[in-house]
Amino acid sequence: MTEKKKTQLKVLFSLIALLVCAGMLFYVNHYTRPTFMLRTVLQLGAIYALVAVSMNLLNGFTGLFSLGQAGFMAIGAYTFAIFTIPVKSRSGVYYLYGVADWLSNIQIPIWAAIILAGLVAAILAAIIGAPVLRLKSDYFAIATLGFAEIVRIIVGSSPMNRITNGSLGLKLIPKFSNFYFPFIVVGICILIVSLLIRSSYGRAFKAIREDEIAAEAMGINLAKHKQLSFIISSFFAGISGALMGMYLGAITSTTFNVTLTYNILLIVVIGGMGSITGSIISSFLVIAAREWWLRFLDMEIFIGSFKVPLLKSGFRMVVFSLILMIVVLFFRRGIMGTNELNWNFIINRLNKKKKTGGESCE
C-alpha cells in the first residue's frame, strides 16, 4: 500500500471516528436525558483532558517536569471571569470592595475572552520562563509549584480586591452556551497540540527530552524550544482554566490549589508520559471513577438488617487510591506509554490481510 493510500485511509478513518463521537454526544444530549453525573463526567473529563495534554506537552514531550499548571489555570479562569461577568451584575459580585473604575464597563464576547485567558497565561509564562527554565529537573518543578502558589495567594489578596474580588472570589460567570461547547473548544485545542507535536518543533521537543546534549549538537536551540514549549503549554492551561470557570460558574483562589496540580499530574502519569491519546483516555477514566462509578462507596448500604462495613463518606477515595496503585504497578509507563491510539495498526492489518488473500488465490 502506497503512502498516499495510507494517508487517505487515515483521513477517512479519522472523519468516521469524529462523526461517531459527535453522534454519541448528540444521542446522549437529546435522547437519553443525561443525568447531572453523566454531564459532569463528560464535560469535566474534557476540561481535564485539555489541561492534561498541555502538561504532557511540557512534561512528557519536552522532558520539563512542571507543577505550575494550576497557577496558569487560575490566571485563565480569573481573566475570563473578570471580562465576561455581565456589567449590570457586577455590583452584586463586587458588593463589598467595589469594582475598579477601568473595569466597571468592560465586557467582551465569550470566544474573545477564552483566547485572552490563554494569551495572559502565555505572557506570564514568557516572563517567568526566562529565569525559571535555567533550573533543572526537581528545582524546575519546585519553582513552578511555587509560582502556582504565588498566583493563588495574589488573586486572593487585598490589593486585588477591586479586580479579583479578593478572598470572596468571582461568581455569575457565564456558563456553557450549550452541551457541546466545551467539547468543541477542547477538540480544537487538542488538534492544534497534536499538529504541533507532528511538526519540526514537536520533533525538537522530543529530541530535548531524550538527550539535551545530543539535541544541542544537532543545532537545536535549547533555550528557545524550552521557552516555546512552556509558553504553549501555559496558553492551553489558561484556556482550560477559562473552561473550568464556565463549568463551575464561580471561582475563588482555593479552587486552584496544589491538589489540582497533583490531580492533573496523576492523569498524565496514568495515561502515559508522552501520549496525547493516553492523557485523553485517562482523564475520562479518572473523572468517571472518582465522580461516578465509586459514588456508592460513600453511602451506607444495608442487606436486610446487616450493615455493610466500611461504606461511609470518604471510603470512595480510599478505594480510588488503591485502584490507582494497582494501575501504576501493572502499567508502569501508563496506559499508552509513549504510544498513540492511531490508525497505523488498522491499516497495516488490512494491508497484511490483503496480501495474504492475494497469495492464497495464486
Protein backbone atom coordinates (compact mmCIF):
# COMPACT_ATOMS: atom_id res chain seq x y z
CA MET A 1 0.00 0.00 0.00
CA THR A 2 1.41 3.37 -1.03
CA GLU A 3 1.92 6.21 1.45
CA LYS A 4 -0.69 8.27 -0.37
CA LYS A 5 -3.24 5.49 0.04
CA LYS A 6 -2.38 5.15 3.73
CA THR A 7 -2.84 8.89 4.25
CA GLN A 8 -6.23 8.81 2.54
CA LEU A 9 -7.33 5.90 4.73
CA LYS A 10 -6.16 7.71 7.89
CA VAL A 11 -8.16 10.81 6.94
CA LEU A 12 -11.21 8.67 6.18
CA PHE A 13 -10.97 6.76 9.48
CA SER A 14 -10.46 9.99 11.41
CA LEU A 15 -13.56 11.56 9.86
CA ILE A 16 -15.59 8.43 10.66
CA ALA A 17 -14.34 8.41 14.26
CA LEU A 18 -15.15 12.13 14.61
CA LEU A 19 -18.66 11.58 13.28
CA VAL A 20 -19.16 8.64 15.64
CA CYS A 21 -18.07 10.72 18.65
CA ALA A 22 -20.29 13.61 17.58
CA GLY A 23 -23.19 11.21 17.08
CA MET A 24 -22.70 9.73 20.56
CA LEU A 25 -22.73 13.18 22.16
CA PHE A 26 -25.83 14.12 20.18
CA TYR A 27 -27.56 10.90 21.25
CA VAL A 28 -26.61 11.41 24.91
CA ASN A 29 -27.83 15.01 24.91
CA HIS A 30 -31.09 14.56 23.00
CA TYR A 31 -32.30 11.02 23.62
CA THR A 32 -31.02 9.81 26.98
CA ARG A 33 -31.67 12.92 29.09
CA PRO A 34 -28.22 12.69 30.70
CA THR A 35 -28.08 12.87 34.46
CA PHE A 36 -26.10 15.53 36.25
CA MET A 37 -23.41 12.93 36.96
CA LEU A 38 -23.02 11.94 33.31
CA ARG A 39 -22.77 15.59 32.24
CA THR A 40 -20.18 16.10 34.96
CA VAL A 41 -18.05 13.19 33.76
CA LEU A 42 -18.21 14.22 30.10
CA GLN A 43 -17.69 17.97 30.48
CA LEU A 44 -15.24 17.86 33.39
CA GLY A 45 -13.41 15.00 31.69
CA ALA A 46 -12.99 17.12 28.55
CA ILE A 47 -11.61 20.06 30.56
CA TYR A 48 -9.14 17.83 32.39
CA ALA A 49 -8.17 16.24 29.07
CA LEU A 50 -7.09 19.64 27.73
CA VAL A 51 -5.07 20.63 30.80
CA ALA A 52 -3.51 17.13 30.96
CA VAL A 53 -2.46 17.38 27.31
CA SER A 54 -1.00 20.83 27.99
CA MET A 55 1.01 19.42 30.92
CA ASN A 56 2.06 16.42 28.84
CA LEU A 57 3.40 18.74 26.15
CA LEU A 58 5.84 20.07 28.73
CA ASN A 59 6.44 17.05 30.96
CA GLY A 60 6.08 14.16 28.52
CA PHE A 61 7.23 15.56 25.18
CA THR A 62 9.85 18.13 26.23
CA GLY A 63 11.04 16.47 29.44
CA LEU A 64 10.49 19.52 31.68
CA PHE A 65 8.85 18.49 34.95
CA SER A 66 6.44 21.35 35.67
CA LEU A 67 3.96 21.62 38.54
CA GLY A 68 2.59 25.05 37.73
CA GLN A 69 -0.48 24.09 35.71
CA ALA A 70 -2.94 25.08 38.43
CA GLY A 71 -1.43 28.56 38.54
CA PHE A 72 -1.91 29.10 34.81
CA MET A 73 -5.43 27.71 35.06
CA ALA A 74 -6.14 30.28 37.79
CA ILE A 75 -4.82 33.08 35.57
CA GLY A 76 -7.01 31.92 32.70
CA ALA A 77 -10.10 31.49 34.86
CA TYR A 78 -9.80 34.90 36.52
CA THR A 79 -9.02 36.64 33.23
CA PHE A 80 -12.08 35.09 31.64
CA ALA A 81 -14.34 35.86 34.61
CA ILE A 82 -13.21 39.48 35.01
CA PHE A 83 -14.02 40.33 31.39
CA THR A 84 -17.23 38.32 30.93
CA ILE A 85 -19.28 38.89 34.10
CA PRO A 86 -22.27 40.97 32.90
CA VAL A 87 -21.79 44.69 33.59
CA LYS A 88 -25.25 45.01 35.13
CA SER A 89 -24.45 42.20 37.60
CA ARG A 90 -21.06 43.43 38.81
CA SER A 91 -22.44 45.43 41.68
CA GLY A 92 -23.78 42.18 43.10
CA VAL A 93 -20.41 40.46 42.66
CA TYR A 94 -18.13 43.26 43.90
CA TYR A 95 -20.62 44.26 46.62
CA LEU A 96 -18.02 44.56 49.40
CA TYR A 97 -14.98 46.21 47.84
CA GLY A 98 -16.39 47.68 44.63
CA VAL A 99 -15.02 47.20 41.13
CA ALA A 100 -12.06 49.08 39.61
CA ASP A 101 -13.12 52.09 37.52
CA TRP A 102 -11.40 50.87 34.34
CA LEU A 103 -13.17 47.52 34.64
CA SER A 104 -16.69 48.66 35.51
CA ASN A 105 -17.99 48.91 31.92
CA ILE A 106 -15.82 46.37 30.10
CA GLN A 107 -17.40 43.16 28.83
CA ILE A 108 -16.08 41.15 25.88
CA PRO A 109 -17.54 38.18 23.93
CA ILE A 110 -17.06 34.64 25.25
CA TRP A 111 -14.76 33.44 22.46
CA ALA A 112 -12.54 36.52 22.72
CA ALA A 113 -12.33 36.09 26.50
CA ILE A 114 -11.27 32.43 26.13
CA ILE A 115 -8.44 33.41 23.78
CA LEU A 116 -7.49 36.32 26.05
CA ALA A 117 -7.33 33.91 29.02
CA GLY A 118 -4.81 31.79 27.14
CA LEU A 119 -2.80 34.82 25.99
CA VAL A 120 -2.48 36.29 29.50
CA ALA A 121 -1.29 32.92 30.83
CA ALA A 122 1.18 32.65 27.95
CA ILE A 123 2.55 36.17 28.54
CA LEU A 124 3.16 35.44 32.22
CA ALA A 125 4.82 32.16 31.22
CA ALA A 126 7.13 34.08 28.90
CA ILE A 127 8.02 36.48 31.72
CA ILE A 128 8.82 33.84 34.34
CA GLY A 129 10.19 31.36 31.82
CA ALA A 130 13.47 33.19 31.26
CA PRO A 131 14.81 32.69 34.80
CA VAL A 132 12.90 29.52 35.73
CA LEU A 133 13.86 27.48 32.66
CA ARG A 134 17.52 27.74 33.67
CA LEU A 135 16.76 25.34 36.51
CA LYS A 136 16.95 21.58 36.09
CA SER A 137 14.58 18.71 36.98
CA ASP A 138 13.42 18.90 40.63
CA TYR A 139 14.40 22.56 41.02
CA PHE A 140 12.31 23.50 38.00
CA ALA A 141 9.34 21.57 39.43
CA ILE A 142 9.65 23.32 42.80
CA ALA A 143 9.93 26.74 41.12
CA THR A 144 6.79 26.20 39.02
CA LEU A 145 4.90 24.86 42.03
CA GLY A 146 5.93 27.97 43.96
CA PHE A 147 4.72 30.13 41.07
CA ALA A 148 1.30 28.44 41.18
CA GLU A 149 1.01 29.13 44.91
CA ILE A 150 2.11 32.75 44.44
CA VAL A 151 -0.60 33.26 41.81
CA ARG A 152 -3.22 31.74 44.11
CA ILE A 153 -2.18 33.99 47.00
CA ILE A 154 -2.03 37.14 44.87
CA VAL A 155 -5.51 36.75 43.34
CA GLY A 156 -6.95 36.33 46.83
CA SER A 157 -5.02 39.16 48.44
CA SER A 158 -6.43 42.54 49.48
CA PRO A 159 -4.53 44.66 46.87
CA MET A 160 -6.51 42.78 44.20
CA ASN A 161 -9.90 43.23 45.86
CA ARG A 162 -11.30 45.59 43.21
CA ILE A 163 -10.18 43.33 40.36
CA THR A 164 -10.39 39.72 41.54
CA ASN A 165 -12.73 40.41 44.49
CA GLY A 166 -10.07 39.09 46.85
CA SER A 167 -10.90 36.09 49.01
CA LEU A 168 -14.60 36.34 48.09
CA GLY A 169 -13.87 35.22 44.55
CA LEU A 170 -15.99 35.78 41.47
CA LYS A 171 -19.45 34.47 40.66
CA LEU A 172 -22.08 34.84 37.91
CA ILE A 173 -19.50 33.66 35.37
CA PRO A 174 -21.24 32.82 32.06
CA LYS A 175 -21.98 29.11 31.73
CA PHE A 176 -21.58 26.98 28.61
CA SER A 177 -23.99 28.17 25.94
CA ASN A 178 -24.85 24.54 25.12
CA PHE A 179 -23.87 20.97 25.93
CA TYR A 180 -21.36 20.76 23.06
CA PHE A 181 -19.42 23.97 23.77
CA PRO A 182 -16.57 22.52 25.92
CA PHE A 183 -16.08 19.59 23.54
CA ILE A 184 -15.69 21.91 20.55
CA VAL A 185 -13.14 24.13 22.32
CA VAL A 186 -11.19 21.20 23.75
CA GLY A 187 -11.24 19.37 20.41
CA ILE A 188 -9.82 22.38 18.54
CA CYS A 189 -7.08 22.91 21.16
CA ILE A 190 -6.02 19.25 21.28
CA LEU A 191 -5.95 19.13 17.47
CA ILE A 192 -3.57 22.12 17.46
CA VAL A 193 -1.31 20.44 20.04
CA SER A 194 -1.37 17.21 18.01
CA LEU A 195 -0.34 19.04 14.84
CA LEU A 196 2.40 20.83 16.78
CA ILE A 197 3.82 17.52 18.05
CA ARG A 198 3.99 16.24 14.46
CA SER A 199 5.81 19.37 13.25
CA SER A 200 9.53 20.14 13.32
CA TYR A 201 9.01 21.88 16.66
CA GLY A 202 7.49 18.73 18.11
CA ARG A 203 10.45 16.67 16.92
CA ALA A 204 12.78 19.20 18.54
CA PHE A 205 10.84 18.90 21.82
CA LYS A 206 11.22 15.11 21.74
CA ALA A 207 14.92 15.41 20.98
CA ILE A 208 15.39 17.65 24.03
CA ARG A 209 13.50 15.11 26.14
CA GLU A 210 15.73 12.25 25.02
CA ASP A 211 19.11 13.96 25.31
CA GLU A 212 19.73 17.70 25.64
CA ILE A 213 23.42 17.45 24.73
CA ALA A 214 22.71 15.48 21.56
CA ALA A 215 19.85 17.84 20.66
CA GLU A 216 22.11 20.87 21.04
CA ALA A 217 24.79 19.16 18.96
CA MET A 218 22.22 18.77 16.16
CA GLY A 219 21.67 22.52 16.17
CA ILE A 220 18.52 22.74 18.29
CA ASN A 221 18.34 25.95 20.33
CA LEU A 222 17.55 24.56 23.78
CA ALA A 223 16.54 27.83 25.43
CA LYS A 224 14.26 28.82 22.55
CA HIS A 225 12.44 25.50 22.32
CA LYS A 226 12.06 25.10 26.08
CA GLN A 227 10.61 28.59 26.29
CA LEU A 228 8.28 27.87 23.36
CA SER A 229 7.05 24.63 24.94
CA PHE A 230 6.50 26.37 28.27
CA ILE A 231 4.53 29.22 26.68
CA ILE A 232 2.33 26.97 24.52
CA SER A 233 1.62 24.65 27.46
CA SER A 234 0.63 27.65 29.59
CA PHE A 235 -1.59 29.05 26.83
CA PHE A 236 -3.73 25.91 26.72
CA ALA A 237 -3.70 25.64 30.52
CA GLY A 238 -5.14 29.18 30.60
CA ILE A 239 -7.90 28.16 28.18
CA SER A 240 -8.70 25.12 30.31
CA GLY A 241 -8.91 27.45 33.32
CA ALA A 242 -11.45 29.58 31.46
CA LEU A 243 -13.49 26.46 30.70
CA MET A 244 -13.27 25.42 34.34
CA GLY A 245 -14.62 28.83 35.37
CA MET A 246 -17.52 28.43 32.93
CA TYR A 247 -18.22 24.93 34.22
CA LEU A 248 -18.25 25.98 37.90
CA GLY A 249 -19.90 29.37 37.44
CA ALA A 250 -17.96 30.73 40.42
CA ILE A 251 -14.29 30.64 41.42
CA THR A 252 -12.09 31.54 44.39
CA SER A 253 -8.36 31.33 44.94
CA THR A 254 -8.82 27.97 46.69
CA THR A 255 -10.33 26.46 43.54
CA PHE A 256 -6.85 26.21 42.02
CA ASN A 257 -4.85 24.81 44.92
CA VAL A 258 -1.92 22.41 44.80
CA THR A 259 -4.26 19.39 44.89
CA LEU A 260 -5.49 20.33 41.42
CA THR A 261 -1.94 20.16 40.08
CA TYR A 262 -1.47 16.71 41.59
CA ASN A 263 -4.74 15.52 40.05
CA ILE A 264 -3.60 16.70 36.62
CA LEU A 265 -0.21 15.04 37.06
CA LEU A 266 -1.97 11.84 38.12
CA ILE A 267 -3.97 11.81 34.88
CA VAL A 268 -0.83 12.40 32.80
CA VAL A 269 1.11 9.60 34.53
CA ILE A 270 -1.74 7.08 34.26
CA GLY A 271 -2.33 7.93 30.59
CA GLY A 272 1.36 7.83 29.71
CA MET A 273 4.05 10.50 29.66
CA GLY A 274 4.37 11.44 26.02
CA SER A 275 0.96 10.29 24.76
CA ILE A 276 -1.82 12.70 23.84
CA THR A 277 -4.44 10.00 23.45
CA GLY A 278 -3.28 8.47 26.73
CA SER A 279 -3.99 11.74 28.56
CA ILE A 280 -7.44 11.97 26.95
CA ILE A 281 -8.42 8.41 27.83
CA SER A 282 -7.01 8.71 31.34
CA SER A 283 -8.86 11.96 32.08
CA PHE A 284 -12.27 10.45 31.34
CA LEU A 285 -11.47 7.22 33.20
CA VAL A 286 -10.18 9.03 36.30
CA ILE A 287 -13.08 11.50 36.43
CA ALA A 288 -15.65 8.74 35.84
CA ALA A 289 -14.15 6.53 38.57
CA ARG A 290 -13.80 9.35 41.08
CA GLU A 291 -17.04 11.21 40.45
CA TRP A 292 -19.45 8.48 39.31
CA TRP A 293 -18.59 4.78 39.41
CA LEU A 294 -17.39 4.71 43.02
CA ARG A 295 -20.01 7.06 44.49
CA PHE A 296 -21.94 4.17 46.04
CA LEU A 297 -18.99 3.56 48.39
CA ASP A 298 -19.79 6.81 50.21
CA MET A 299 -23.29 5.61 51.10
CA GLU A 300 -24.34 3.26 53.87
CA ILE A 301 -25.76 0.01 52.45
CA PHE A 302 -27.94 -2.50 54.31
CA ILE A 303 -28.60 -6.08 53.27
CA GLY A 304 -31.68 -6.83 55.32
CA SER A 305 -30.69 -5.79 58.82
CA PHE A 306 -26.96 -6.26 58.11
CA LYS A 307 -24.98 -3.09 57.55
CA VAL A 308 -22.11 -3.46 55.06
CA PRO A 309 -18.95 -2.40 56.93
CA LEU A 310 -16.59 0.43 55.88
CA LEU A 311 -19.08 2.04 53.49
CA LYS A 312 -19.32 5.67 54.57
CA SER A 313 -18.35 9.15 53.43
CA GLY A 314 -14.72 9.21 52.27
CA PHE A 315 -14.32 5.47 51.65
CA ARG A 316 -14.68 6.13 47.91
CA MET A 317 -11.33 7.92 47.81
CA VAL A 318 -9.65 5.06 49.70
CA VAL A 319 -10.76 2.56 47.06
CA PHE A 320 -9.91 5.03 44.28
CA SER A 321 -6.35 5.35 45.64
CA LEU A 322 -5.99 1.55 45.80
CA ILE A 323 -7.12 1.25 42.18
CA LEU A 324 -4.55 3.86 41.15
CA MET A 325 -1.81 1.94 42.95
CA ILE A 326 -2.77 -1.26 41.10
CA VAL A 327 -2.82 0.53 37.74
CA VAL A 328 0.62 2.04 38.36
CA LEU A 329 2.03 -1.35 39.41
CA PHE A 330 0.81 -3.15 36.28
CA PHE A 331 1.14 -0.25 33.82
CA ARG A 332 4.37 1.40 34.91
CA ARG A 333 4.56 3.53 31.77
CA GLY A 334 0.86 4.35 31.90
CA ILE A 335 -1.98 3.04 29.79
CA MET A 336 -0.44 4.12 26.48
CA GLY A 337 3.21 4.74 27.41
CA THR A 338 4.62 6.95 24.67
CA ASN A 339 2.36 5.42 22.02
CA GLU A 340 -0.68 6.97 20.39
CA LEU A 341 -4.00 5.36 19.60
CA ASN A 342 -3.88 5.81 15.81
CA TRP A 343 -4.84 4.12 12.58
CA ASN A 344 -1.45 2.66 11.64
CA PHE A 345 -2.24 -0.68 13.29
CA ILE A 346 -5.58 -0.99 11.49
CA ILE A 347 -4.10 -0.03 8.12
CA ASN A 348 -1.19 -2.45 8.48
CA ARG A 349 -3.57 -5.25 9.46
CA LEU A 350 -5.77 -4.56 6.42
CA ASN A 351 -2.71 -4.45 4.16
CA LYS A 352 -1.39 -7.72 5.59
CA LYS A 353 -4.76 -9.43 5.17
CA LYS A 354 -4.99 -8.25 1.58
CA LYS A 355 -1.54 -9.62 0.78
CA THR A 356 -2.34 -12.95 2.43
CA GLY A 357 -5.57 -13.24 0.45
CA GLY A 358 -3.75 -12.45 -2.80
CA GLU A 359 -1.07 -15.07 -2.17
CA SER A 360 -3.64 -17.77 -1.35
CA CYS A 361 -5.52 -17.04 -4.60
CA GLU A 362 -2.38 -17.64 -6.58
